[in-house]
Amino acid sequence: MSDQTYHIYCKGLASGVSAEDAIEKLSQLTNLSAEVAAQLIQSRNRMIKSGLTQDKAETYCSKLQKIGLIVEMHQEAKQQSTAPTASVPELTTPVSVQSSEEEKIHSVPVEFRGQAFEYFKIWIVNIFLTIITLGIYSAWAKVRNKQYFYGNTIIDGSSFNYTAKPIAILKGRLIAVGLFAIYTMASELSPMIGLVMMLVFLPLMPWLIIRSLAFNARNSLYRNICFDFKGRYSEAFSTFLLWPLLILVTAGLILPYIWYKQNRFVIDHSAFGTTDFEYNASAKDFFRIFLVALGALLGAGLLIFGLYSLLDPETAIMVGGLIMMPVYIMLFGYFTASIANLNYNSTILKTHYFTSTLQPKQIAWLYFTNTLAITLSLGLMIPWAQIRMARYRAQCLQLEIADSLDNFIAAEQKNVSALGDQVGEVFDVEMSVI
């Protein structure tokens, strides 16, 4: 008899299925609380059961599909680490005893405790010193800013720490400025030389991206354990240079797949200590977000086009502008919230995972009012806007912990003790997927 085992992922709800109805049925079927059942259904790409035989896995899939869930069954690699589950007990007749697995998994909110005026004092000093030092102090300003936001982000009673040295950041920036100056002067002398230099420098971009991600990861700590990034140049080259070449050929329709590849590259090659992150989103998830946004944009475009046949050109342009402004704001909110939720909800760290519930309307409102406040204050409200956005993002994020995070941290501290100092020296270019 084969010893191959399988795990099952919940990909969301089938079309036309009511969330309330599915939650009720899942709760009845598994004896889970309505809260736990709702978390399972609302978070896509959640592993809900692992270590199953083929017959058992097929039974699980069949019963979950009957209540309206979209599920997938995947083979497990030999000696694969246990992935997080959503506390689904045996799918037989409901029993009166709560699953012990459900009791082990508990939610820990992510907190952000930064204050606008407190950060404003740091921000205004950074601006002043950067100006009078002709930009040299910007490296120290970046470290101070990151240390403030990291230090005020709390999970399970512990904050993050940013340990980069400003002089290392300054070296990277001086090298970047020097290369840009050489390119600019060469382009002035001869456009052909400038083009050749650009083609020579272009293959360096994937390497810079890897160095940037490694630099920021290895200088980011939680409970004295640093993060890591282990991406390879060959994969970065295809992800960030080759695939984007298809954008023009496909009229931009390849974009969702490129987003998927880039997000997967960053998250799959990231690690906390010696434990790698896993990314379970699919390209279909990105296409779904893209098509909704594209449909809304095309609908607004058709509405404006219709106005041109009913109104005079000047009025039509004015009304069209009034229509498109809120459409763009809402689409920006939808895209930002959807991608962030997808990335967080599809990321697993051993048996721990995130649940993100950012709301597109709230994100759009925050960006709109933040932009308005910054404009009217001539930039002085930037710290307030940054704190406000960081606080909202934290409010919508929680870590689902299996067993105890203390046990995981203790194991990591033992494993990473022999790694030594691997902190990169330069290239801190900002690179983020969330």
Protein backbone atom coordinates (compact mmCIF):
# COMPACT_ATOMS: atom_id res chain seq x y z
CA MET A 1 0.00 0.00 0.00
CA SER A 2 1.33 3.45 -0.99
CA ASP A 3 2.53 5.69 1.82
CA GLN A 4 1.92 8.83 -0.28
CA THR A 5 0.04 11.49 1.67
CA TYR A 6 -1.95 14.53 0.54
CA HIS A 7 -3.01 17.92 1.78
CA ILE A 8 -6.06 19.99 0.90
CA TYR A 9 -6.23 23.73 0.20
CA CYS A 10 -9.35 25.88 0.41
CA LYS A 11 -9.38 28.28 -2.57
CA GLY A 12 -12.58 30.14 -1.67
CA LEU A 13 -16.28 29.85 -2.44
CA ALA A 14 -17.84 28.50 -5.63
CA SER A 15 -19.72 30.99 -7.79
CA GLY A 16 -23.22 31.75 -6.53
CA VAL A 17 -22.67 30.25 -3.08
CA SER A 18 -23.66 32.44 -0.14
CA ALA A 19 -20.88 32.93 2.43
CA GLU A 20 -23.40 32.79 5.29
CA ASP A 21 -24.86 29.54 3.99
CA ALA A 22 -21.42 27.97 3.51
CA ILE A 23 -20.30 29.02 7.00
CA GLU A 24 -23.41 27.49 8.55
CA LYS A 25 -23.01 24.21 6.64
CA LEU A 26 -19.30 23.94 7.38
CA SER A 27 -19.95 24.62 11.05
CA GLN A 28 -22.59 21.89 11.16
CA LEU A 29 -20.47 19.43 9.19
CA THR A 30 -17.30 19.79 11.25
CA ASN A 31 -18.58 21.03 14.62
CA LEU A 32 -16.37 24.13 14.27
CA SER A 33 -17.53 27.42 15.73
CA ALA A 34 -19.05 29.88 13.25
CA GLU A 35 -16.03 32.18 13.80
CA VAL A 36 -13.47 29.53 12.84
CA ALA A 37 -15.59 28.38 9.88
CA ALA A 38 -15.83 32.00 8.65
CA GLN A 39 -12.04 32.45 8.91
CA LEU A 40 -11.50 29.32 6.87
CA ILE A 41 -13.90 30.34 4.10
CA GLN A 42 -12.82 33.99 3.90
CA SER A 43 -9.08 33.24 3.64
CA ARG A 44 -8.12 31.83 0.25
CA ASN A 45 -5.27 29.38 -0.28
CA ARG A 46 -5.50 28.14 3.32
CA MET A 47 -4.30 24.60 3.92
CA ILE A 48 -7.13 22.94 5.81
CA LYS A 49 -5.88 19.39 6.25
CA SER A 50 -2.62 17.51 5.73
CA GLY A 51 -1.17 14.01 6.10
CA LEU A 52 -4.18 12.29 4.46
CA THR A 53 -4.26 9.10 2.44
CA GLN A 54 -5.62 9.41 -1.09
CA ASP A 55 -9.03 7.92 -0.20
CA LYS A 56 -9.32 10.14 2.85
CA ALA A 57 -8.34 13.25 0.90
CA GLU A 58 -10.86 12.51 -1.85
CA THR A 59 -13.58 12.10 0.77
CA TYR A 60 -12.68 15.44 2.35
CA CYS A 61 -12.72 17.17 -1.04
CA SER A 62 -16.08 15.67 -1.99
CA LYS A 63 -17.81 16.74 1.23
CA LEU A 64 -16.30 20.25 1.21
CA GLN A 65 -17.30 20.75 -2.44
CA LYS A 66 -20.89 19.80 -1.62
CA ILE A 67 -21.19 22.76 0.74
CA GLY A 68 -19.82 25.17 -1.88
CA LEU A 69 -16.06 25.35 -1.17
CA ILE A 70 -13.48 25.28 -3.93
CA VAL A 71 -10.76 22.89 -2.77
CA GLU A 72 -7.63 21.36 -4.26
CA MET A 73 -5.77 18.18 -3.28
CA HIS A 74 -1.96 18.10 -3.58
CA GLN A 75 0.61 15.41 -2.98
CA GLU A 76 2.96 16.01 -0.06
CA ALA A 77 6.70 15.72 -0.47
CA LYS A 78 8.40 13.15 1.70
CA GLN A 79 9.30 14.49 5.16
CA GLN A 80 7.48 17.73 4.39
CA SER A 81 7.04 20.05 7.32
CA THR A 82 3.53 20.29 8.61
CA ALA A 83 1.74 23.27 7.06
CA PRO A 84 -0.84 25.29 8.92
CA THR A 85 -4.33 23.92 8.96
CA ALA A 86 -7.58 25.63 9.67
CA SER A 87 -8.70 23.24 12.39
CA VAL A 88 -11.00 21.04 10.29
CA PRO A 89 -11.73 17.80 12.19
CA GLU A 90 -12.94 14.55 10.66
CA LEU A 91 -15.79 15.22 8.23
CA THR A 92 -18.25 12.72 9.59
CA THR A 93 -21.23 13.22 11.83
CA PRO A 94 -20.79 16.32 14.03
CA VAL A 95 -19.60 15.53 17.52
CA SER A 96 -20.06 17.45 20.72
CA VAL A 97 -16.35 17.68 21.62
CA GLN A 98 -14.42 20.60 20.13
CA SER A 99 -11.36 19.68 18.08
CA SER A 100 -8.12 19.87 20.01
CA GLU A 101 -6.51 21.21 16.85
CA GLU A 102 -8.92 24.17 16.92
CA GLU A 103 -7.88 24.97 20.47
CA LYS A 104 -4.18 25.00 19.52
CA ILE A 105 -4.60 27.65 16.83
CA HIS A 106 -5.17 31.12 18.18
CA SER A 107 -5.11 34.60 16.68
CA VAL A 108 -2.61 37.24 17.74
CA PRO A 109 -3.31 40.78 16.50
CA VAL A 110 -0.58 42.87 14.93
CA GLU A 111 -0.36 46.18 16.81
CA PHE A 112 1.08 49.50 15.72
CA ARG A 113 1.69 51.94 18.56
CA GLY A 114 3.29 54.86 16.73
CA GLN A 115 2.02 58.40 17.38
CA ALA A 116 1.83 61.13 14.73
CA PHE A 117 3.41 63.97 16.74
CA GLU A 118 6.12 61.69 18.11
CA TYR A 119 7.08 60.62 14.60
CA PHE A 120 6.74 64.20 13.28
CA LYS A 121 9.65 65.27 15.51
CA ILE A 122 11.86 62.54 14.03
CA TRP A 123 10.70 63.28 10.49
CA ILE A 124 11.24 67.06 10.60
CA VAL A 125 14.77 66.70 12.03
CA ASN A 126 15.57 64.16 9.30
CA ILE A 127 14.37 66.57 6.62
CA PHE A 128 16.37 69.48 8.03
CA LEU A 129 19.62 67.52 8.42
CA THR A 130 19.27 65.92 4.98
CA ILE A 131 18.94 69.37 3.38
CA ILE A 132 21.88 71.00 5.15
CA THR A 133 24.16 68.00 4.47
CA LEU A 134 23.18 67.94 0.75
CA GLY A 135 21.57 64.52 1.10
CA ILE A 136 24.33 62.74 3.01
CA TYR A 137 22.22 62.45 6.17
CA SER A 138 19.46 60.65 4.20
CA ALA A 139 21.07 57.30 5.07
CA TRP A 140 20.80 58.06 8.79
CA ALA A 141 17.26 59.40 8.23
CA LYS A 142 16.20 56.12 6.63
CA VAL A 143 17.54 54.09 9.55
CA ARG A 144 15.80 56.33 12.11
CA ASN A 145 12.49 56.11 10.22
CA LYS A 146 12.63 52.33 9.87
CA GLN A 147 13.66 51.85 13.49
CA TYR A 148 10.66 53.90 14.60
CA PHE A 149 8.14 51.92 12.52
CA TYR A 150 9.75 48.56 13.30
CA GLY A 151 9.97 49.33 17.02
CA ASN A 152 6.28 50.28 17.17
CA THR A 153 5.05 47.17 15.35
CA ILE A 154 4.18 44.54 17.95
CA ILE A 155 3.30 40.85 17.57
CA ASP A 156 2.65 38.73 20.64
CA GLY A 157 4.21 41.32 22.94
CA SER A 158 7.48 41.70 20.99
CA SER A 159 8.49 44.40 18.52
CA PHE A 160 10.65 44.23 15.40
CA ASN A 161 14.11 45.73 15.14
CA TYR A 162 16.01 47.28 12.22
CA THR A 163 19.79 47.00 12.57
CA ALA A 164 21.23 48.38 9.32
CA LYS A 165 24.23 50.71 9.64
CA PRO A 166 23.74 54.13 8.00
CA ILE A 167 27.28 54.07 6.58
CA ALA A 168 26.45 50.86 4.65
CA ILE A 169 23.37 52.52 3.17
CA LEU A 170 25.40 55.62 2.30
CA LYS A 171 28.00 53.51 0.45
CA GLY A 172 25.28 51.92 -1.66
CA ARG A 173 23.74 55.28 -2.48
CA LEU A 174 27.10 56.81 -3.43
CA ILE A 175 27.77 53.90 -5.79
CA ALA A 176 24.29 54.29 -7.33
CA VAL A 177 24.72 58.06 -7.74
CA GLY A 178 28.18 57.54 -9.27
CA LEU A 179 26.85 55.06 -11.83
CA PHE A 180 23.97 57.36 -12.71
CA ALA A 181 26.36 60.30 -13.16
CA ILE A 182 28.57 58.25 -15.50
CA TYR A 183 25.54 57.20 -17.52
CA THR A 184 24.23 60.79 -17.73
CA MET A 185 27.57 62.20 -18.91
CA ALA A 186 27.98 59.40 -21.45
CA SER A 187 24.50 60.05 -22.83
CA GLU A 188 25.30 63.74 -23.20
CA LEU A 189 28.45 62.93 -25.16
CA SER A 190 26.77 60.37 -27.39
CA PRO A 191 23.25 58.88 -27.26
CA MET A 192 24.69 55.67 -28.70
CA ILE A 193 27.18 55.35 -25.85
CA GLY A 194 24.34 55.98 -23.39
CA LEU A 195 22.27 53.23 -25.00
CA VAL A 196 25.17 50.77 -24.87
CA MET A 197 25.78 51.60 -21.19
CA MET A 198 22.09 51.08 -20.40
CA LEU A 199 22.20 47.66 -22.05
CA VAL A 200 25.34 46.84 -20.05
CA PHE A 201 23.80 47.97 -16.76
CA LEU A 202 20.41 46.31 -17.39
CA PRO A 203 21.57 42.79 -16.41
CA LEU A 204 22.71 44.26 -13.09
CA MET A 205 19.12 45.08 -12.11
CA PRO A 206 18.15 41.54 -10.97
CA TRP A 207 21.35 41.37 -8.90
CA LEU A 208 20.53 44.73 -7.30
CA ILE A 209 17.03 43.51 -6.48
CA ILE A 210 18.42 40.39 -4.78
CA ARG A 211 20.97 42.44 -2.85
CA SER A 212 18.26 44.90 -1.79
CA LEU A 213 15.94 42.17 -0.53
CA ALA A 214 18.78 40.38 1.26
CA PHE A 215 20.03 43.61 2.84
CA ASN A 216 16.63 44.57 4.23
CA ALA A 217 15.77 41.02 5.34
CA ARG A 218 19.04 40.41 7.18
CA ASN A 219 18.78 43.74 8.96
CA SER A 220 15.22 43.00 10.13
CA LEU A 221 14.91 41.12 13.43
CA TYR A 222 12.11 39.75 15.55
CA ARG A 223 13.01 38.40 19.00
CA ASN A 224 16.69 38.53 18.04
CA ILE A 225 16.21 36.30 14.98
CA CYS A 226 16.93 37.90 11.62
CA PHE A 227 15.00 37.37 8.43
CA ASP A 228 16.77 36.17 5.29
CA PHE A 229 16.43 36.18 1.52
CA LYS A 230 17.89 33.44 -0.69
CA GLY A 231 16.83 34.35 -4.23
CA ARG A 232 19.03 33.32 -7.16
CA TYR A 233 20.13 35.59 -9.98
CA SER A 234 18.87 33.35 -12.79
CA GLU A 235 15.30 33.33 -11.46
CA ALA A 236 15.41 37.07 -10.72
CA PHE A 237 16.64 37.69 -14.28
CA SER A 238 13.68 35.91 -15.85
CA THR A 239 11.15 37.31 -13.34
CA PHE A 240 12.15 40.97 -13.47
CA LEU A 241 13.65 41.28 -16.97
CA LEU A 242 12.45 38.56 -19.38
CA TRP A 243 8.77 38.28 -18.43
CA PRO A 244 8.18 42.08 -18.50
CA LEU A 245 9.33 42.08 -22.15
CA LEU A 246 5.98 40.46 -22.98
CA ILE A 247 3.96 43.44 -21.71
CA LEU A 248 4.04 45.26 -25.06
CA VAL A 249 3.44 42.07 -27.06
CA THR A 250 0.36 41.16 -25.00
CA ALA A 251 -0.98 44.73 -24.70
CA GLY A 252 -0.51 44.53 -20.94
CA LEU A 253 -2.66 41.40 -20.44
CA ILE A 254 0.36 39.47 -19.15
CA LEU A 255 0.68 41.85 -16.18
CA PRO A 256 -1.21 39.68 -13.64
CA TYR A 257 1.09 36.75 -14.38
CA ILE A 258 4.17 38.97 -13.97
CA TRP A 259 2.81 40.22 -10.62
CA TYR A 260 2.29 36.62 -9.57
CA LYS A 261 5.83 35.62 -10.57
CA GLN A 262 7.41 38.59 -8.80
CA ASN A 263 5.41 38.21 -5.58
CA ARG A 264 6.09 34.48 -5.53
CA PHE A 265 9.82 35.06 -6.08
CA VAL A 266 10.07 37.47 -3.15
CA ILE A 267 7.99 35.50 -0.63
CA ASP A 268 9.08 31.96 -1.53
CA HIS A 269 12.75 32.90 -1.17
CA SER A 270 12.30 34.73 2.13
CA ALA A 271 12.92 33.09 5.48
CA PHE A 272 12.67 33.74 9.20
CA GLY A 273 15.84 32.35 10.67
CA THR A 274 16.21 28.92 9.08
CA THR A 275 12.51 28.46 8.25
CA ASP A 276 11.38 29.37 4.74
CA PHE A 277 8.13 31.14 3.97
CA GLU A 278 5.73 29.37 1.61
CA TYR A 279 3.50 31.14 -0.90
CA ASN A 280 0.26 29.47 -1.97
CA ALA A 281 -1.40 32.05 -4.22
CA SER A 282 -1.97 31.17 -7.87
CA ALA A 283 -1.79 33.20 -11.08
CA LYS A 284 -5.61 32.90 -11.30
CA ASP A 285 -5.95 34.97 -8.13
CA PHE A 286 -4.01 37.84 -9.71
CA PHE A 287 -5.96 37.59 -12.98
CA ARG A 288 -9.21 37.74 -11.00
CA ILE A 289 -8.15 41.02 -9.33
CA PHE A 290 -6.91 42.41 -12.64
CA LEU A 291 -10.09 41.56 -14.56
CA VAL A 292 -12.37 43.12 -11.93
CA ALA A 293 -10.35 46.35 -12.05
CA LEU A 294 -10.21 46.30 -15.85
CA GLY A 295 -13.97 45.70 -16.08
CA ALA A 296 -14.71 48.66 -13.79
CA LEU A 297 -12.35 50.88 -15.78
CA LEU A 298 -13.90 49.88 -19.10
CA GLY A 299 -17.40 50.42 -17.70
CA ALA A 300 -16.51 53.94 -16.59
CA GLY A 301 -14.90 54.58 -19.99
CA LEU A 302 -18.06 53.50 -21.85
CA LEU A 303 -20.17 55.75 -19.62
CA ILE A 304 -17.98 58.75 -20.40
CA PHE A 305 -18.00 57.89 -24.11
CA GLY A 306 -21.80 57.93 -24.00
CA LEU A 307 -21.76 61.39 -22.43
CA TYR A 308 -19.98 62.80 -25.49
CA SER A 309 -23.01 61.99 -27.62
CA LEU A 310 -25.40 63.70 -25.18
CA LEU A 311 -23.46 66.75 -24.00
CA ASP A 312 -21.32 69.42 -25.61
CA PRO A 313 -17.55 68.59 -25.57
CA GLU A 314 -16.58 71.00 -22.77
CA THR A 315 -19.31 69.77 -20.41
CA ALA A 316 -18.61 66.16 -21.31
CA ILE A 317 -14.90 66.57 -20.45
CA MET A 318 -15.75 68.17 -17.10
CA VAL A 319 -18.34 65.52 -16.18
CA GLY A 320 -16.00 62.77 -17.39
CA GLY A 321 -13.25 64.07 -15.11
CA LEU A 322 -15.64 64.10 -12.15
CA ILE A 323 -16.59 60.48 -12.88
CA MET A 324 -13.07 59.17 -13.43
CA MET A 325 -11.56 60.73 -10.31
CA PRO A 326 -13.56 58.61 -7.80
CA VAL A 327 -13.25 55.60 -10.12
CA TYR A 328 -9.46 55.82 -10.08
CA ILE A 329 -9.42 56.30 -6.29
CA MET A 330 -11.70 53.31 -5.72
CA LEU A 331 -9.73 51.14 -8.16
CA PHE A 332 -6.50 52.08 -6.40
CA GLY A 333 -8.04 51.12 -3.06
CA TYR A 334 -9.38 47.86 -4.50
CA PHE A 335 -6.07 46.91 -6.08
CA THR A 336 -3.97 47.81 -3.02
CA ALA A 337 -6.23 46.00 -0.54
CA SER A 338 -6.76 42.93 -2.76
CA ILE A 339 -3.06 42.36 -3.50
CA ALA A 340 -2.06 42.89 0.15
CA ASN A 341 -4.80 40.53 1.40
CA LEU A 342 -3.86 37.94 -1.21
CA ASN A 343 -0.17 38.04 -0.28
CA TYR A 344 -0.70 37.89 3.46
CA ASN A 345 -3.43 35.24 3.32
CA SER A 346 -1.29 33.06 1.02
CA THR A 347 1.88 33.21 3.12
CA ILE A 348 2.76 30.40 5.52
CA LEU A 349 5.63 30.12 7.99
CA LYS A 350 5.83 26.48 9.04
CA THR A 351 2.55 26.10 11.01
CA HIS A 352 1.80 29.83 11.35
CA TYR A 353 -0.01 32.06 8.87
CA PHE A 354 -1.55 35.50 8.50
CA THR A 355 -5.12 36.71 8.07
CA SER A 356 -5.49 40.10 6.41
CA THR A 357 -8.86 41.88 6.04
CA LEU A 358 -8.03 45.24 4.42
CA GLN A 359 -11.12 46.91 2.95
CA PRO A 360 -10.85 48.60 -0.48
CA LYS A 361 -13.22 51.45 0.46
CA GLN A 362 -11.28 52.21 3.63
CA ILE A 363 -7.91 52.11 1.83
CA ALA A 364 -9.27 54.43 -0.89
CA TRP A 365 -10.63 56.84 1.73
CA LEU A 366 -7.35 56.87 3.66
CA TYR A 367 -5.28 57.59 0.56
CA PHE A 368 -7.67 60.30 -0.61
CA THR A 369 -7.85 62.11 2.73
CA ASN A 370 -4.12 61.64 3.35
CA THR A 371 -3.29 63.17 -0.04
CA LEU A 372 -5.68 66.07 0.61
CA ALA A 373 -4.17 66.72 4.05
CA ILE A 374 -0.59 66.58 2.73
CA THR A 375 -1.43 68.96 -0.12
CA LEU A 376 -3.22 71.52 2.06
CA SER A 377 -0.44 71.42 4.71
CA LEU A 378 2.33 71.75 2.10
CA GLY A 379 3.73 68.37 3.13
CA LEU A 380 3.73 68.85 6.91
CA MET A 381 1.03 66.20 7.38
CA ILE A 382 3.15 63.44 5.81
CA PRO A 383 4.03 61.89 9.22
CA TRP A 384 0.36 61.91 10.25
CA ALA A 385 -0.60 60.20 6.98
CA GLN A 386 2.10 57.53 7.34
CA ILE A 387 1.16 56.75 10.94
CA ARG A 388 -2.53 56.64 10.05
CA MET A 389 -1.95 54.16 7.21
CA ALA A 390 0.41 51.97 9.27
CA ARG A 391 -2.14 51.80 12.10
CA TYR A 392 -4.96 50.75 9.77
CA ARG A 393 -2.85 48.07 8.08
CA ALA A 394 -1.93 46.65 11.49
CA GLN A 395 -5.56 46.70 12.66
CA CYS A 396 -6.52 44.49 9.70
CA LEU A 397 -3.74 41.95 10.20
CA GLN A 398 -3.39 39.10 12.64
CA LEU A 399 -1.09 36.13 13.00
CA GLU A 400 -2.69 32.71 13.36
CA ILE A 401 -0.39 30.77 15.69
CA ALA A 402 -0.40 27.00 15.98
CA ASP A 403 0.62 25.77 19.42
CA SER A 404 3.00 28.39 20.86
CA LEU A 405 5.11 30.99 19.11
CA ASP A 406 7.58 30.71 22.00
CA ASN A 407 8.37 27.11 21.02
CA PHE A 408 9.00 28.14 17.43
CA ILE A 409 11.22 31.07 18.46
CA ALA A 410 13.23 28.86 20.83
CA ALA A 411 13.83 26.32 18.05
CA GLU A 412 14.89 29.04 15.62
CA GLN A 413 17.31 30.59 18.08
CA LYS A 414 19.00 27.22 18.41
CA ASN A 415 19.14 26.69 14.63
CA VAL A 416 20.43 30.15 13.66
CA SER A 417 23.14 30.32 16.31
CA ALA A 418 25.64 28.71 13.93
CA LEU A 419 24.80 30.84 10.88
CA GLY A 420 27.12 33.71 11.72
CA ASP A 421 26.83 37.29 10.50
CA GLN A 422 25.46 37.40 6.95
CA VAL A 423 24.41 41.03 6.76
CA GLY A 424 24.91 42.57 3.31
CA GLU A 425 26.97 45.72 3.04
CA VAL A 426 25.29 47.86 0.41
CA PHE A 427 22.27 48.33 -1.87
CA ASP A 428 19.21 49.05 0.22
CA VAL A 429 16.96 50.00 -2.71
CA GLU A 430 13.32 49.77 -1.58
CA MET A 431 11.64 46.61 -2.84
CA SER A 432 8.32 45.44 -1.49
CA VAL A 433 5.40 43.25 -2.58
CA ILE A 434 2.88 44.37 0.04
